[in-house]
C-alpha atoms as a PDB file:
ATOM      1  CA  MET A   1       0.000   0.000   0.000  1.00  0.00           C
ATOM      2  CA  ALA A   2       1.237   3.462  -0.812  1.00  0.00           C
ATOM      3  CA  LEU A   3      -0.097   6.695   0.571  1.00  0.00           C
ATOM      4  CA  SER A   4       0.643  10.035  -0.933  1.00  0.00           C
ATOM      5  CA  PHE A   5      -0.307  13.507   0.069  1.00  0.00           C
ATOM      6  CA  LYS A   6       0.316  17.028  -1.024  1.00  0.00           C
ATOM      7  CA  VAL A   7       0.266  20.381   0.713  1.00  0.00           C
ATOM      8  CA  ASP A   8      -0.839  23.473  -1.075  1.00  0.00           C
ATOM      9  CA  PHE A   9       0.870  26.639   0.153  1.00  0.00           C
ATOM     10  CA  PRO A  10      -1.116  29.814  -0.138  1.00  0.00           C
ATOM     11  CA  SER A  11       0.173  32.321  -2.649  1.00  0.00           C
ATOM     12  CA  GLY A  12       3.168  34.225  -1.161  1.00  0.00           C
ATOM     13  CA  ALA A  13       3.654  31.835   1.774  1.00  0.00           C
ATOM     14  CA  LEU A  14       7.107  30.750   0.577  1.00  0.00           C
ATOM     15  CA  ALA A  15       8.200  34.333   0.167  1.00  0.00           C
ATOM     16  CA  GLU A  16       6.989  35.130   3.698  1.00  0.00           C
ATOM     17  CA  ALA A  17       8.878  32.120   5.069  1.00  0.00           C
ATOM     18  CA  GLU A  18      12.045  33.306   3.364  1.00  0.00           C
ATOM     19  CA  LYS A  19      11.605  36.787   4.839  1.00  0.00           C
ATOM     20  CA  ALA A  20      11.107  35.328   8.303  1.00  0.00           C
ATOM     21  CA  LEU A  21      14.265  33.260   7.904  1.00  0.00           C
ATOM     22  CA  HIS A  22      16.209  36.359   6.840  1.00  0.00           C
ATOM     23  CA  ARG A  23      14.922  38.303   9.843  1.00  0.00           C
ATOM     24  CA  PHE A  24      15.965  35.494  12.163  1.00  0.00           C
ATOM     25  CA  ALA A  25      19.441  35.329  10.595  1.00  0.00           C
ATOM     26  CA  GLN A  26      19.863  39.104  10.888  1.00  0.00           C
ATOM     27  CA  ARG A  27      18.875  39.089  14.578  1.00  0.00           C
ATOM     28  CA  ARG A  28      21.319  36.257  15.117  1.00  0.00           C
ATOM     29  CA  MET A  29      24.110  38.227  13.421  1.00  0.00           C
ATOM     30  CA  LEU A  30      23.415  41.250  15.603  1.00  0.00           C
ATOM     31  CA  ASP A  31      23.385  39.171  18.811  1.00  0.00           C
ATOM     32  CA  VAL A  32      26.584  37.303  17.950  1.00  0.00           C
ATOM     33  CA  THR A  33      28.595  40.397  16.979  1.00  0.00           C
ATOM     34  CA  ASP A  34      27.385  42.272  20.063  1.00  0.00           C
ATOM     35  CA  ARG A  35      28.600  39.441  22.325  1.00  0.00           C
ATOM     36  CA  ALA A  36      31.872  39.224  20.381  1.00  0.00           C
ATOM     37  CA  ALA A  37      32.612  42.918  20.978  1.00  0.00           C
ATOM     38  CA  THR A  38      31.976  42.543  24.710  1.00  0.00           C
ATOM     39  CA  ARG A  39      34.156  39.407  24.886  1.00  0.00           C
ATOM     40  CA  ALA A  40      37.025  41.107  23.066  1.00  0.00           C
ATOM     41  CA  LYS A  41      36.820  44.173  25.322  1.00  0.00           C
ATOM     42  CA  ASN A  42      36.869  42.073  28.486  1.00  0.00           C
ATOM     43  CA  ALA A  43      39.793  39.988  27.200  1.00  0.00           C
ATOM     44  CA  ILE A  44      41.827  43.120  26.399  1.00  0.00           C
ATOM     45  CA  ARG A  45      41.069  44.523  29.854  1.00  0.00           C
ATOM     46  CA  GLN A  46      42.300  41.303  31.438  1.00  0.00           C
ATOM     47  CA  ASP A  47      45.471  41.417  29.316  1.00  0.00           C
ATOM     48  CA  MET A  48      46.147  44.991  30.418  1.00  0.00           C
ATOM     49  CA  ALA A  49      45.704  44.134  34.072  1.00  0.00           C
ATOM     50  CA  ALA A  50      47.995  41.108  33.687  1.00  0.00           C
ATOM     51  CA  ALA A  51      50.606  43.362  32.033  1.00  0.00           C
ATOM     52  CA  GLY A  52      50.717  45.577  35.124  1.00  0.00           C
ATOM     53  CA  LEU A  53      48.661  48.427  33.634  1.00  0.00           C
ATOM     54  CA  GLY A  54      46.202  48.557  36.506  1.00  0.00           C
ATOM     55  CA  ARG A  55      42.758  49.840  35.571  1.00  0.00           C
ATOM     56  CA  LEU A  56      43.841  51.357  32.252  1.00  0.00           C
ATOM     57  CA  GLY A  57      41.703  48.793  30.442  1.00  0.00           C
ATOM     58  CA  PHE A  58      38.547  50.353  31.908  1.00  0.00           C
ATOM     59  CA  ALA A  59      39.124  53.297  29.562  1.00  0.00           C
ATOM     60  CA  LEU A  60      38.046  50.920  26.771  1.00  0.00           C
ATOM     61  CA  GLY A  61      34.449  50.516  25.716  1.00  0.00           C
ATOM     62  CA  SER A  62      32.581  48.387  23.210  1.00  0.00           C
ATOM     63  CA  THR A  63      29.543  48.819  21.023  1.00  0.00           C
ATOM     64  CA  SER A  64      27.903  47.147  18.045  1.00  0.00           C
ATOM     65  CA  ASP A  65      25.368  47.621  15.288  1.00  0.00           C
ATOM     66  CA  LYS A  66      22.844  46.004  17.617  1.00  0.00           C
ATOM     67  CA  ALA A  67      23.497  48.654  20.275  1.00  0.00           C
ATOM     68  CA  LYS A  68      23.703  51.592  17.859  1.00  0.00           C
ATOM     69  CA  SER A  69      20.968  50.971  15.322  1.00  0.00           C
ATOM     70  CA  GLY A  70      19.590  47.479  15.815  1.00  0.00           C
ATOM     71  CA  ARG A  71      19.990  46.596  12.159  1.00  0.00           C
ATOM     72  CA  VAL A  72      22.444  44.993   9.776  1.00  0.00           C
ATOM     73  CA  TYR A  73      23.956  46.663   6.702  1.00  0.00           C
ATOM     74  CA  ARG A  74      24.041  45.452   3.140  1.00  0.00           C
ATOM     75  CA  GLU A  75      26.678  46.046   0.502  1.00  0.00           C
ATOM     76  CA  GLY A  76      25.572  44.397  -2.714  1.00  0.00           C
ATOM     77  CA  ASP A  77      25.003  40.727  -1.972  1.00  0.00           C
ATOM     78  CA  ILE A  78      26.824  40.914   1.394  1.00  0.00           C
ATOM     79  CA  THR A  79      25.051  41.467   4.709  1.00  0.00           C
ATOM     80  CA  ARG A  80      27.192  42.778   7.555  1.00  0.00           C
ATOM     81  CA  ALA A  81      26.912  43.283  11.296  1.00  0.00           C
ATOM     82  CA  SER A  82      29.833  44.670  13.257  1.00  0.00           C
ATOM     83  CA  GLY A  83      31.182  45.160  16.751  1.00  0.00           C
ATOM     84  CA  VAL A  84      33.665  47.824  17.848  1.00  0.00           C
ATOM     85  CA  ILE A  85      36.140  48.216  20.713  1.00  0.00           C
ATOM     86  CA  TYR A  86      37.114  51.847  21.250  1.00  0.00           C
ATOM     87  CA  ILE A  87      38.811  54.209  23.712  1.00  0.00           C
ATOM     88  CA  ARG A  88      36.011  55.930  25.587  1.00  0.00           C
ATOM     89  CA  SER A  89      38.246  58.183  27.707  1.00  0.00           C
ATOM     90  CA  LYS A  90      38.631  61.814  26.611  1.00  0.00           C
ATOM     91  CA  SER A  91      41.921  62.207  28.466  1.00  0.00           C
ATOM     92  CA  GLU A  92      44.846  62.755  26.093  1.00  0.00           C
ATOM     93  CA  ARG A  93      47.130  61.139  28.642  1.00  0.00           C
ATOM     94  CA  THR A  94      44.975  58.013  28.856  1.00  0.00           C
ATOM     95  CA  VAL A  95      44.567  57.774  25.089  1.00  0.00           C
ATOM     96  CA  GLY A  96      48.325  58.151  24.639  1.00  0.00           C
ATOM     97  CA  ALA A  97      49.045  55.486  27.252  1.00  0.00           C
ATOM     98  CA  ILE A  98      46.711  52.972  25.607  1.00  0.00           C
ATOM     99  CA  ILE A  99      48.224  53.599  22.173  1.00  0.00           C
ATOM    100  CA  SER A 100      51.746  53.306  23.589  1.00  0.00           C
ATOM    101  CA  TYR A 101      51.101  50.035  25.406  1.00  0.00           C
ATOM    102  CA  THR A 102      49.216  48.440  22.509  1.00  0.00           C
ATOM    103  CA  GLU A 103      51.268  49.691  19.559  1.00  0.00           C
ATOM    104  CA  GLY A 104      54.577  50.796  21.070  1.00  0.00           C
ATOM    105  CA  ALA A 105      55.742  54.389  20.855  1.00  0.00           C
ATOM    106  CA  ASN A 106      58.663  56.775  20.908  1.00  0.00           C
ATOM    107  CA  ILE A 107      57.953  59.433  23.526  1.00  0.00           C
ATOM    108  CA  LEU A 108      59.321  62.919  23.008  1.00  0.00           C
ATOM    109  CA  PRO A 109      58.880  66.015  25.195  1.00  0.00           C
ATOM    110  CA  VAL A 110      55.958  68.248  24.221  1.00  0.00           C
ATOM    111  CA  LYS A 111      57.082  71.305  26.149  1.00  0.00           C
ATOM    112  CA  GLY A 112      60.765  71.975  26.524  1.00  0.00           C
ATOM    113  CA  ARG A 113      63.716  69.765  25.721  1.00  0.00           C
ATOM    114  CA  TRP A 114      63.489  67.118  28.435  1.00  0.00           C
ATOM    115  CA  LEU A 115      61.191  64.427  29.762  1.00  0.00           C
ATOM    116  CA  TRP A 116      61.282  64.590  33.553  1.00  0.00           C
ATOM    117  CA  TYR A 117      60.800  61.496  35.676  1.00  0.00           C
ATOM    118  CA  PRO A 118      60.605  61.519  39.490  1.00  0.00           C
ATOM    119  CA  THR A 119      63.125  59.366  41.320  1.00  0.00           C
ATOM    120  CA  GLU A 120      62.280  56.825  44.006  1.00  0.00           C
ATOM    121  CA  GLN A 121      63.116  59.411  46.670  1.00  0.00           C
ATOM    122  CA  ILE A 122      59.975  61.448  45.984  1.00  0.00           C
ATOM    123  CA  GLN A 123      56.299  60.615  45.580  1.00  0.00           C
ATOM    124  CA  ARG A 124      55.236  59.907  42.001  1.00  0.00           C
ATOM    125  CA  LEU A 125      51.654  61.180  42.165  1.00  0.00           C
ATOM    126  CA  VAL A 126      50.104  64.429  43.390  1.00  0.00           C
ATOM    127  CA  GLY A 127      46.545  65.636  43.793  1.00  0.00           C
ATOM    128  CA  LYS A 128      43.453  64.029  45.248  1.00  0.00           C
ATOM    129  CA  GLN A 129      41.470  61.071  43.978  1.00  0.00           C
ATOM    130  CA  PRO A 130      40.154  60.669  41.353  1.00  0.00           C
ATOM    131  CA  ASN A 131      42.324  63.392  39.771  1.00  0.00           C
ATOM    132  CA  ARG A 132      45.771  62.282  40.876  1.00  0.00           C
ATOM    133  CA  THR A 133      48.430  62.842  38.239  1.00  0.00           C
ATOM    134  CA  ARG A 134      52.122  62.089  37.756  1.00  0.00           C
ATOM    135  CA  LEU A 135      54.437  64.552  39.458  1.00  0.00           C
ATOM    136  CA  THR A 136      56.357  66.876  37.134  1.00  0.00           C
ATOM    137  CA  PRO A 137      58.624  69.872  37.797  1.00  0.00           C
ATOM    138  CA  ALA A 138      55.763  72.120  36.631  1.00  0.00           C
ATOM    139  CA  LEU A 139      53.622  70.796  39.510  1.00  0.00           C
ATOM    140  CA  TRP A 140      56.345  71.078  42.149  1.00  0.00           C
ATOM    141  CA  ARG A 141      55.199  74.492  43.372  1.00  0.00           C
ATOM    142  CA  SER A 142      51.422  74.209  42.825  1.00  0.00           C
ATOM    143  CA  SER A 143      51.294  70.854  44.640  1.00  0.00           C
ATOM    144  CA  GLY A 144      52.872  72.400  47.745  1.00  0.00           C
ATOM    145  CA  LEU A 145      56.127  70.426  47.530  1.00  0.00           C
ATOM    146  CA  GLU A 146      58.251  73.545  47.077  1.00  0.00           C
ATOM    147  CA  ALA A 147      56.934  74.952  50.342  1.00  0.00           C
ATOM    148  CA  LYS A 148      57.645  71.594  51.977  1.00  0.00           C
ATOM    149  CA  PHE A 149      61.116  70.807  50.588  1.00  0.00           C
ATOM    150  CA  GLY A 150      62.367  73.984  48.929  1.00  0.00           C
ATOM    151  CA  PRO A 151      62.953  74.970  45.304  1.00  0.00           C
ATOM    152  CA  LEU A 152      64.336  72.644  42.660  1.00  0.00           C
ATOM    153  CA  ILE A 153      67.974  73.072  41.739  1.00  0.00           C
ATOM    154  CA  ARG A 154      69.121  72.096  38.250  1.00  0.00           C
ATOM    155  CA  LEU A 155      72.392  70.183  37.971  1.00  0.00           C
ATOM    156  CA  LYS A 156      74.172  68.223  35.242  1.00  0.00           C
ATOM    157  CA  SER A 157      74.614  64.480  35.717  1.00  0.00           C
ATOM    158  CA  VAL A 158      77.622  62.396  34.711  1.00  0.00           C
ATOM    159  CA  ASN A 159      76.040  61.504  31.346  1.00  0.00           C
ATOM    160  CA  GLY A 160      75.356  65.128  30.489  1.00  0.00           C
ATOM    161  CA  ASN A 161      71.599  64.974  31.041  1.00  0.00           C
ATOM    162  CA  PRO A 162      70.142  67.321  33.661  1.00  0.00           C
ATOM    163  CA  VAL A 163      68.773  66.397  37.063  1.00  0.00           C
ATOM    164  CA  LEU A 164      66.697  68.402  39.524  1.00  0.00           C
ATOM    165  CA  ALA A 165      67.560  68.237  43.208  1.00  0.00           C
ATOM    166  CA  VAL A 166      66.580  69.724  46.561  1.00  0.00           C
ATOM    167  CA  ARG A 167      68.934  70.837  49.327  1.00  0.00           C
ATOM    168  CA  ASN A 168      69.072  70.070  53.026  1.00  0.00           C
ATOM    169  CA  VAL A 169      66.324  67.502  53.453  1.00  0.00           C
ATOM    170  CA  GLY A 170      65.937  64.459  55.618  1.00  0.00           C
ATOM    171  CA  LEU A 171      66.082  60.997  54.073  1.00  0.00           C
ATOM    172  CA  ALA A 172      63.904  58.424  55.782  1.00  0.00           C
ATOM    173  CA  PRO A 173      65.435  54.944  55.631  1.00  0.00           C
ATOM    174  CA  GLY A 174      63.692  52.511  53.325  1.00  0.00           C
ATOM    175  CA  SER A 175      62.293  49.153  54.307  1.00  0.00           C
ATOM    176  CA  ALA A 176      61.747  45.872  52.514  1.00  0.00           C
ATOM    177  CA  GLY A 177      60.387  46.732  49.090  1.00  0.00           C
ATOM    178  CA  ARG A 178      60.224  50.453  49.841  1.00  0.00           C
ATOM    179  CA  PRO A 179      62.917  52.955  48.858  1.00  0.00           C
ATOM    180  CA  ALA A 180      64.191  55.745  51.064  1.00  0.00           C
ATOM    181  CA  ARG A 181      62.087  58.901  50.772  1.00  0.00           C
ATOM    182  CA  ILE A 182      62.855  62.536  51.478  1.00  0.00           C
ATOM    183  CA  ARG A 183      61.148  64.266  54.391  1.00  0.00           C
ATOM    184  CA  PRO A 184      61.246  67.900  55.492  1.00  0.00           C
ATOM    185  CA  THR A 185      63.627  68.883  58.263  1.00  0.00           C
ATOM    186  CA  THR A 186      62.590  70.429  61.567  1.00  0.00           C
ATOM    187  CA  LYS A 187      62.217  74.196  61.954  1.00  0.00           C
ATOM    188  CA  ARG A 188      65.830  74.281  63.129  1.00  0.00           C
ATOM    189  CA  GLY A 189      66.983  72.546  59.943  1.00  0.00           C
ATOM    190  CA  ALA A 190      67.774  69.246  61.655  1.00  0.00           C
ATOM    191  CA  ALA A 191      66.805  65.789  60.452  1.00  0.00           C
ATOM    192  CA  ARG A 192      63.791  64.252  62.108  1.00  0.00           C
ATOM    193  CA  LYS A 193      64.206  61.232  64.344  1.00  0.00           C
ATOM    194  CA  GLY A 194      65.335  58.241  62.300  1.00  0.00           C
ATOM    195  CA  ASP A 195      66.157  60.354  59.221  1.00  0.00           C
ATOM    196  CA  VAL A 196      69.560  61.178  57.777  1.00  0.00           C
ATOM    197  CA  LEU A 197      70.251  64.787  56.805  1.00  0.00           C
ATOM    198  CA  ARG A 198      71.279  65.097  53.162  1.00  0.00           C
ATOM    199  CA  GLU A 199      72.762  68.213  51.646  1.00  0.00           C
ATOM    200  CA  LEU A 200      71.504  67.264  48.191  1.00  0.00           C
ATOM    201  CA  VAL A 201      68.951  64.713  46.950  1.00  0.00           C
ATOM    202  CA  VAL A 202      68.008  64.218  43.284  1.00  0.00           C
ATOM    203  CA  VAL A 203      64.232  64.134  42.796  1.00  0.00           C
ATOM    204  CA  PHE A 204      63.901  64.361  38.967  1.00  0.00           C
ATOM    205  CA  ILE A 205      65.932  62.898  36.119  1.00  0.00           C
ATOM    206  CA  GLY A 206      65.746  64.480  32.669  1.00  0.00           C
ATOM    207  CA  ILE A 207      66.045  62.452  29.459  1.00  0.00           C
ATOM    208  CA  PRO A 208      65.618  63.656  25.862  1.00  0.00           C
ATOM    209  CA  ARG A 209      63.373  60.774  24.751  1.00  0.00           C
ATOM    210  CA  THR A 210      62.233  57.309  25.656  1.00  0.00           C
ATOM    211  CA  SER A 211      60.345  54.438  24.065  1.00  0.00           C
ATOM    212  CA  ARG A 212      57.688  51.990  25.166  1.00  0.00           C
ATOM    213  CA  GLN A 213      57.283  48.473  23.920  1.00  0.00           C
ATOM    214  CA  ALA A 214      53.781  47.191  23.279  1.00  0.00           C
ATOM    215  CA  ARG A 215      52.610  44.999  26.171  1.00  0.00           C
ATOM    216  CA  VAL A 216      49.158  44.035  24.924  1.00  0.00           C
ATOM    217  CA  ASN A 217      47.940  42.789  21.530  1.00  0.00           C
ATOM    218  CA  PRO A 218      44.298  43.877  21.110  1.00  0.00           C
ATOM    219  CA  ARG A 219      44.195  42.779  17.461  1.00  0.00           C
ATOM    220  CA  ARG A 220      44.789  39.192  18.521  1.00  0.00           C
ATOM    221  CA  ARG A 221      41.824  39.387  20.883  1.00  0.00           C
ATOM    222  CA  ALA A 222      39.638  40.934  18.172  1.00  0.00           C
ATOM    223  CA  GLU A 223      40.595  38.160  15.739  1.00  0.00           C
ATOM    224  CA  GLU A 224      39.768  35.519  18.357  1.00  0.00           C
ATOM    225  CA  ALA A 225      36.362  37.145  18.894  1.00  0.00           C
ATOM    226  CA  MET A 226      35.703  37.206  15.139  1.00  0.00           C
ATOM    227  CA  ARG A 227      36.578  33.537  14.769  1.00  0.00           C
ATOM    228  CA  GLN A 228      34.306  32.617  17.655  1.00  0.00           C
ATOM    229  CA  ALA A 229      31.490  34.748  16.208  1.00  0.00           C
ATOM    230  CA  ALA A 230      31.873  33.033  12.804  1.00  0.00           C
ATOM    231  CA  ALA A 231      31.712  29.620  14.494  1.00  0.00           C
ATOM    232  CA  GLU A 232      28.518  30.608  16.305  1.00  0.00           C
ATOM    233  CA  LEU A 233      26.912  31.805  13.074  1.00  0.00           C
ATOM    234  CA  ARG A 234      27.767  28.585  11.282  1.00  0.00           C
ATOM    235  CA  GLY A 235      25.712  26.848  13.943  1.00  0.00           C
ATOM    236  CA  VAL A 236      22.607  28.970  13.261  1.00  0.00           C
END
């Protein structure tokens, strides 16, 4: 015995089914690329933290066509959906740091001839949270350190580069993992208890240029996210 049957589709039903399938595929593309952008961002943040860059990775953000417009884009016969990782911080210093640590960079002075770096004998940051910034000679007076330790004195080091020093300060002995730090003297100009009086202590070293090697590879993380997104879409 043989049984046969047939199904008659209403006019236009096949076209509607194809449209529904396209809509499903487009939603799937938007979901997958949105997740891929978030994954890549989180992976880059983790890489930055592992590279000793603290919370610098939190200056990165991510978005996608799903978040921005909720639709895919067509170019000819190709349908696209994208995700983006970007620097959301407006701070030039933060943007420069991210570029330096992800691409490498040669750093040159913007104002003046020298890049000035504080030594271990002085604090490296000034200001109050969340606006603390790296100490520079330009901030020595405005941060109150000149009133505390005296004016900076410019000297020439053995390699010909300049250094900036302060006179007649106390040097507190360092401990395990902590370097010796300068401290102000008493009103009589004597070292405080436990400190050693120093006639001269270098607090800034000047160099004409420096370079930074890239520590993080964000492109590798983006490529991993793209491969994972493609694998997910193949399983639609």
